[in-house]
Amino acid sequence: MPKRIAIHVLPNKKGGIKDWKITKAGSKQTIAVFDNKEKAIKRARVIAKKQELGQLKIHRRDGQIQTEYTYGADPRRYKG
């Protein structure tokens, strides 16, 4: 079974006008940078849904995970 690919929406630590960035887990490269969180989440959701097994992790301004969403097949073997 393929591995789930996590897409993160994070605060941009470099500062400046663009406050939020999208990255892929395991990569240091930034996919895109946005001036507000809502735009970043919208784009990241599209990217995560295109993966066979995608995951979207939205972080708060302090870097902690705020919300997680998974897309694709559910890896659980039981309901609940």
C-alpha atoms as a PDB file:
ATOM      1  CA  MET A   1       0.000   0.000   0.000  1.00  0.00           C
ATOM      2  CA  PRO A   2       1.356   3.461  -0.855  1.00  0.00           C
ATOM      3  CA  LYS A   3       2.423   5.782   1.928  1.00  0.00           C
ATOM      4  CA  ARG A   4       0.220   8.725   2.917  1.00  0.00           C
ATOM      5  CA  ILE A   5       1.638  12.063   1.716  1.00  0.00           C
ATOM      6  CA  ALA A   6       1.266  14.923   4.208  1.00  0.00           C
ATOM      7  CA  ILE A   7       0.858  18.502   3.024  1.00  0.00           C
ATOM      8  CA  HIS A   8       1.413  21.196   5.682  1.00  0.00           C
ATOM      9  CA  VAL A   9       0.079  24.751   5.958  1.00  0.00           C
ATOM     10  CA  LEU A  10       2.590  26.578   8.166  1.00  0.00           C
ATOM     11  CA  PRO A  11       3.343  30.135   9.251  1.00  0.00           C
ATOM     12  CA  ASN A  12       6.156  31.562   7.136  1.00  0.00           C
ATOM     13  CA  LYS A  13       9.023  32.087   9.592  1.00  0.00           C
ATOM     14  CA  LYS A  14      10.861  34.330   7.132  1.00  0.00           C
ATOM     15  CA  GLY A  15       8.215  36.991   7.716  1.00  0.00           C
ATOM     16  CA  GLY A  16       7.368  39.651   5.204  1.00  0.00           C
ATOM     17  CA  ILE A  17       4.084  40.186   3.427  1.00  0.00           C
ATOM     18  CA  LYS A  18       3.481  36.512   2.652  1.00  0.00           C
ATOM     19  CA  ASP A  19       2.524  34.971   6.002  1.00  0.00           C
ATOM     20  CA  TRP A  20       1.611  31.324   5.219  1.00  0.00           C
ATOM     21  CA  LYS A  21       3.375  28.610   3.235  1.00  0.00           C
ATOM     22  CA  ILE A  22       2.594  25.128   1.947  1.00  0.00           C
ATOM     23  CA  THR A  23       5.186  22.372   2.265  1.00  0.00           C
ATOM     24  CA  LYS A  24       5.309  18.628   1.673  1.00  0.00           C
ATOM     25  CA  ALA A  25       6.386  16.414   4.586  1.00  0.00           C
ATOM     26  CA  GLY A  26      10.005  15.347   4.280  1.00  0.00           C
ATOM     27  CA  SER A  27      10.888  18.207   1.944  1.00  0.00           C
ATOM     28  CA  LYS A  28      12.475  21.523   2.884  1.00  0.00           C
ATOM     29  CA  GLN A  29      11.211  23.144  -0.301  1.00  0.00           C
ATOM     30  CA  THR A  30       8.192  25.443  -0.116  1.00  0.00           C
ATOM     31  CA  ILE A  31       5.412  24.642  -2.605  1.00  0.00           C
ATOM     32  CA  ALA A  32       3.656  28.028  -2.388  1.00  0.00           C
ATOM     33  CA  VAL A  33       3.410  31.138  -0.195  1.00  0.00           C
ATOM     34  CA  PHE A  34       0.213  33.092   0.542  1.00  0.00           C
ATOM     35  CA  ASP A  35      -0.731  36.335   2.253  1.00  0.00           C
ATOM     36  CA  ASN A  36      -3.541  34.738   4.280  1.00  0.00           C
ATOM     37  CA  LYS A  37      -4.226  31.367   5.846  1.00  0.00           C
ATOM     38  CA  GLU A  38      -7.551  30.733   4.104  1.00  0.00           C
ATOM     39  CA  LYS A  39      -5.989  30.935   0.629  1.00  0.00           C
ATOM     40  CA  ALA A  40      -3.169  28.620   1.713  1.00  0.00           C
ATOM     41  CA  ILE A  41      -5.633  26.059   3.103  1.00  0.00           C
ATOM     42  CA  LYS A  42      -7.748  26.140  -0.054  1.00  0.00           C
ATOM     43  CA  ARG A  43      -4.728  25.449  -2.296  1.00  0.00           C
ATOM     44  CA  ALA A  44      -3.237  22.843   0.073  1.00  0.00           C
ATOM     45  CA  ARG A  45      -6.553  20.960   0.151  1.00  0.00           C
ATOM     46  CA  VAL A  46      -6.485  20.669  -3.655  1.00  0.00           C
ATOM     47  CA  ILE A  47      -2.898  19.356  -3.535  1.00  0.00           C
ATOM     48  CA  ALA A  48      -3.683  16.822  -0.776  1.00  0.00           C
ATOM     49  CA  LYS A  49      -6.795  15.519  -2.579  1.00  0.00           C
ATOM     50  CA  LYS A  50      -4.783  14.879  -5.764  1.00  0.00           C
ATOM     51  CA  GLN A  51      -2.620  12.339  -3.895  1.00  0.00           C
ATOM     52  CA  GLU A  52      -3.696   8.704  -3.859  1.00  0.00           C
ATOM     53  CA  LEU A  53      -3.393   8.871  -0.075  1.00  0.00           C
ATOM     54  CA  GLY A  54      -3.256  12.508   1.004  1.00  0.00           C
ATOM     55  CA  GLN A  55      -3.206  14.257   4.342  1.00  0.00           C
ATOM     56  CA  LEU A  56      -3.596  17.955   5.116  1.00  0.00           C
ATOM     57  CA  LYS A  57      -2.107  19.309   8.346  1.00  0.00           C
ATOM     58  CA  ILE A  58      -3.021  22.877   9.231  1.00  0.00           C
ATOM     59  CA  HIS A  59      -0.808  24.561  11.818  1.00  0.00           C
ATOM     60  CA  ARG A  60      -1.492  27.506  14.119  1.00  0.00           C
ATOM     61  CA  ARG A  61       0.710  30.596  14.178  1.00  0.00           C
ATOM     62  CA  ASP A  62       2.798  28.993  16.993  1.00  0.00           C
ATOM     63  CA  GLY A  63       3.531  25.946  14.803  1.00  0.00           C
ATOM     64  CA  GLN A  64       1.308  23.442  16.645  1.00  0.00           C
ATOM     65  CA  ILE A  65      -1.079  21.338  14.554  1.00  0.00           C
ATOM     66  CA  GLN A  66      -4.550  22.860  14.610  1.00  0.00           C
ATOM     67  CA  THR A  67      -6.451  20.426  12.339  1.00  0.00           C
ATOM     68  CA  GLU A  68      -5.770  17.321  10.240  1.00  0.00           C
ATOM     69  CA  TYR A  69      -7.699  15.912   7.291  1.00  0.00           C
ATOM     70  CA  THR A  70      -7.062  12.676   5.398  1.00  0.00           C
ATOM     71  CA  TYR A  71      -8.060  11.908   1.808  1.00  0.00           C
ATOM     72  CA  GLY A  72      -8.161   8.636  -0.065  1.00  0.00           C
ATOM     73  CA  ALA A  73      -8.521   5.119   1.345  1.00  0.00           C
ATOM     74  CA  ASP A  74      -9.012   4.789   5.097  1.00  0.00           C
ATOM     75  CA  PRO A  75      -6.132   2.679   6.484  1.00  0.00           C
ATOM     76  CA  ARG A  76      -8.237   1.395   9.410  1.00  0.00           C
ATOM     77  CA  ARG A  77      -9.464  -2.158   9.348  1.00  0.00           C
ATOM     78  CA  TYR A  78     -12.456  -1.399  11.549  1.00  0.00           C
ATOM     79  CA  LYS A  79     -15.153   1.249  11.703  1.00  0.00           C
ATOM     80  CA  GLY A  80     -14.959   4.080  14.185  1.00  0.00           C
END
